[in-house]
Amino acid sequence: MMRTLYCTALFALTTVAQAAPSCPLAHWDDYGGTQLFRNAGQGAYVFATTHAQVDADGAPNAYHPDDVGLNCKTGTGFKGLDCPANGGYPNGDWWPSAIVPDPKNKKKGYVQPDGEFKGFFVSQTSLRDGARSDLDPAKYVNAAAVPYLVFPGAFHQKAGTGTLGDLGYAVNLDNGKTSAFIVAEVGPSDAKLGEMSIALAQALGGQNPNPRTGAGKPDGKIAYVVFPKSRANPAWPLTNQQIGDRVQGLLKQLPGGMETLKACGADAK
């Protein structure tokens, strides 16, 4: 009987070990309590976090002047996807990084004079189409349509993490949902990893993600692999299909591919 129990326990342990292989990448560094994994001499790196924050920047209907003064959490009747105060407008000194200033009055945001989203501010992202005017909403990466990741400012400055236009892939380890993404925004210097566009949040299991209140963001632990120096030339614009196709090729450069991403994500703290 004892031998049978021993064999059963040994089989169970072996099965668990096979089902959850350990990360084959080396521990590279830590950022804000989040572990980063990569192999020496290889650019791709993996991290995972349960922190998720939703970003509306770049969406042509992200911010509306009529929403100024409304409480971001409890206010009602919002026209924009997000609250202007979340973009620092009008009292924060950093709002010009989220809303394009009016060239005729730099103290105010520029309002779209025509088009589908006439009356909305022009919301911008750090990644942009250099061939278009700063006043053209199409210059920027639409958070509602394009899966993108936000780099905290200090993380962006860290050697080896990559830059705007670099590509990556994410998997929600709790529900199995996946998505390719592009790095399109640089956030506050002290921000946490895990801020993403509305489109990426939806792809990873979010339910009507609300950048204004934080409701509907994806639950669970999400693992990311980023491929530094993978940006196209020009880095923007790209279609979602182009992003996905390029990332499928890049995943082949990660030893073990998806299995490595999942294993390192599971091990990451």
Foldseek 3Di string as FASTA:
>chain_A
DVVVVVVVVVVVVVVVCVVFPAFPFDFDDDDPQWTKTHHPPAQKIKTKDQDAAADQFLAQQAAAPVLPPAQLAPGDDGRGLAHLVVLVPQPRPRNCQFFPADPVDRNHGDAACDDPRGRGTQTAAPQFQPVDDPRDSNRHDGLQAAKAFEAEQQRQVDPSSAHFLWKKKKAFLVPGFIAIHTHIHYHHNNDDGHYIGPVNQVRRPFDNQRNSNRHRGDGGMMMMMIGHPLADVVSDDDHSVRRVVSHVVVQVVDVVRPSSRNNPSVVID
